[in-house]
Amino acid sequence: MVDNWREFFRMFPDYRNIFNRVESRKNYAVMLGHAYWSAEKPYDPAIWKATIVDGLVREWRIYADTPENRQLLDIT
């Protein structure tokens, strides 16, 4: 997995996640914001969900920021 992340950041050296809103839920957290890939693609709206089990991240999932996904994740 580490090699995959190294390759990802080699391909996208300017990549960043910008979180504008963070909410804690029962056993997960949701973050709303955007991914910054490069100057050519500076704004890619996204929703991140981190499922927490025993104090550790069990699953990290990224969704497109769409009305359907906001409804799915109960985001108003």
C-alpha atoms as a PDB file:
ATOM      1  CA  MET A   1       0.000   0.000   0.000  1.00  0.00           C
ATOM      2  CA  VAL A   2       2.829   2.405   0.820  1.00  0.00           C
ATOM      3  CA  ASP A   3       4.206   1.964  -2.704  1.00  0.00           C
ATOM      4  CA  ASN A   4       0.780   2.822  -4.135  1.00  0.00           C
ATOM      5  CA  TRP A   5       0.632   6.059  -2.099  1.00  0.00           C
ATOM      6  CA  ARG A   6       4.165   6.963  -3.216  1.00  0.00           C
ATOM      7  CA  GLU A   7       3.109   6.506  -6.836  1.00  0.00           C
ATOM      8  CA  PHE A   8      -0.084   8.538  -6.290  1.00  0.00           C
ATOM      9  CA  PHE A   9       1.864  11.494  -4.869  1.00  0.00           C
ATOM     10  CA  ARG A  10       4.465  11.158  -7.600  1.00  0.00           C
ATOM     11  CA  MET A  11       1.669  11.493 -10.165  1.00  0.00           C
ATOM     12  CA  PHE A  12      -0.124  14.280  -8.244  1.00  0.00           C
ATOM     13  CA  PRO A  13       2.521  16.153  -6.222  1.00  0.00           C
ATOM     14  CA  ASP A  14       0.206  19.107  -5.468  1.00  0.00           C
ATOM     15  CA  TYR A  15      -2.736  16.990  -4.261  1.00  0.00           C
ATOM     16  CA  ARG A  16      -4.438  18.253  -1.097  1.00  0.00           C
ATOM     17  CA  ASN A  17      -7.721  17.678   0.734  1.00  0.00           C
ATOM     18  CA  ILE A  18      -9.350  20.874   1.975  1.00  0.00           C
ATOM     19  CA  PHE A  19     -12.010  20.260   4.642  1.00  0.00           C
ATOM     20  CA  ASN A  20     -14.518  23.091   5.110  1.00  0.00           C
ATOM     21  CA  ARG A  21     -16.844  21.210   7.428  1.00  0.00           C
ATOM     22  CA  VAL A  22     -16.279  18.259   9.791  1.00  0.00           C
ATOM     23  CA  GLU A  23     -19.044  16.439  11.662  1.00  0.00           C
ATOM     24  CA  SER A  24     -18.782  13.620  14.177  1.00  0.00           C
ATOM     25  CA  ARG A  25     -21.529  11.005  14.057  1.00  0.00           C
ATOM     26  CA  LYS A  26     -22.217   7.808  16.059  1.00  0.00           C
ATOM     27  CA  ASN A  27     -19.340   5.704  14.748  1.00  0.00           C
ATOM     28  CA  TYR A  28     -18.117   7.823  11.876  1.00  0.00           C
ATOM     29  CA  ALA A  29     -17.098  11.293  10.841  1.00  0.00           C
ATOM     30  CA  VAL A  30     -17.906  13.147   7.634  1.00  0.00           C
ATOM     31  CA  MET A  31     -15.805  15.884   6.086  1.00  0.00           C
ATOM     32  CA  LEU A  32     -17.024  18.198   3.337  1.00  0.00           C
ATOM     33  CA  GLY A  33     -14.704  20.177   1.143  1.00  0.00           C
ATOM     34  CA  HIS A  34     -12.716  19.694  -2.009  1.00  0.00           C
ATOM     35  CA  ALA A  35      -9.681  17.993  -3.393  1.00  0.00           C
ATOM     36  CA  TYR A  36      -7.003  20.132  -4.988  1.00  0.00           C
ATOM     37  CA  TRP A  37      -5.203  18.213  -7.722  1.00  0.00           C
ATOM     38  CA  SER A  38      -3.283  20.906  -9.579  1.00  0.00           C
ATOM     39  CA  ALA A  39      -3.559  24.436 -10.947  1.00  0.00           C
ATOM     40  CA  GLU A  40      -5.475  22.955 -13.891  1.00  0.00           C
ATOM     41  CA  LYS A  41      -7.973  21.226 -11.584  1.00  0.00           C
ATOM     42  CA  PRO A  42      -8.023  23.229  -8.346  1.00  0.00           C
ATOM     43  CA  TYR A  43     -11.532  22.383  -7.135  1.00  0.00           C
ATOM     44  CA  ASP A  44     -13.036  18.879  -7.007  1.00  0.00           C
ATOM     45  CA  PRO A  45     -15.967  18.873  -4.493  1.00  0.00           C
ATOM     46  CA  ALA A  46     -16.013  15.786  -2.298  1.00  0.00           C
ATOM     47  CA  ILE A  47     -17.375  14.221   0.869  1.00  0.00           C
ATOM     48  CA  TRP A  48     -15.113  11.987   2.957  1.00  0.00           C
ATOM     49  CA  LYS A  49     -16.429   9.453   5.445  1.00  0.00           C
ATOM     50  CA  ALA A  50     -14.264   7.804   8.093  1.00  0.00           C
ATOM     51  CA  THR A  51     -15.803   4.861   9.927  1.00  0.00           C
ATOM     52  CA  ILE A  52     -14.294   4.435  13.385  1.00  0.00           C
ATOM     53  CA  VAL A  53     -14.028   1.094  15.249  1.00  0.00           C
ATOM     54  CA  ASP A  54     -12.245   0.802  18.594  1.00  0.00           C
ATOM     55  CA  GLY A  55     -10.834   4.296  18.181  1.00  0.00           C
ATOM     56  CA  LEU A  56      -9.223   3.539  14.807  1.00  0.00           C
ATOM     57  CA  VAL A  57     -10.241   4.294  11.237  1.00  0.00           C
ATOM     58  CA  ARG A  58     -11.742   1.091   9.861  1.00  0.00           C
ATOM     59  CA  GLU A  59     -12.825   2.528   6.493  1.00  0.00           C
ATOM     60  CA  TRP A  60     -12.063   5.727   4.600  1.00  0.00           C
ATOM     61  CA  ARG A  61     -14.462   6.429   1.738  1.00  0.00           C
ATOM     62  CA  ILE A  62     -14.722   9.339  -0.667  1.00  0.00           C
ATOM     63  CA  TYR A  63     -17.970  10.406  -2.346  1.00  0.00           C
ATOM     64  CA  ALA A  64     -18.705  12.971  -5.025  1.00  0.00           C
ATOM     65  CA  ASP A  65     -20.466  15.922  -3.421  1.00  0.00           C
ATOM     66  CA  THR A  66     -23.891  15.429  -4.989  1.00  0.00           C
ATOM     67  CA  PRO A  67     -27.417  15.935  -3.615  1.00  0.00           C
ATOM     68  CA  GLU A  68     -27.894  12.145  -3.680  1.00  0.00           C
ATOM     69  CA  ASN A  69     -24.774  11.490  -1.600  1.00  0.00           C
ATOM     70  CA  ARG A  70     -25.643  14.275   0.837  1.00  0.00           C
ATOM     71  CA  GLN A  71     -29.039  12.588   1.329  1.00  0.00           C
ATOM     72  CA  LEU A  72     -27.388   9.172   1.708  1.00  0.00           C
ATOM     73  CA  LEU A  73     -25.088  10.533   4.419  1.00  0.00           C
ATOM     74  CA  ASP A  74     -27.810  12.699   6.029  1.00  0.00           C
ATOM     75  CA  ILE A  75     -26.004  15.971   5.381  1.00  0.00           C
ATOM     76  CA  THR A  76     -28.129  19.096   5.359  1.00  0.00           C
END
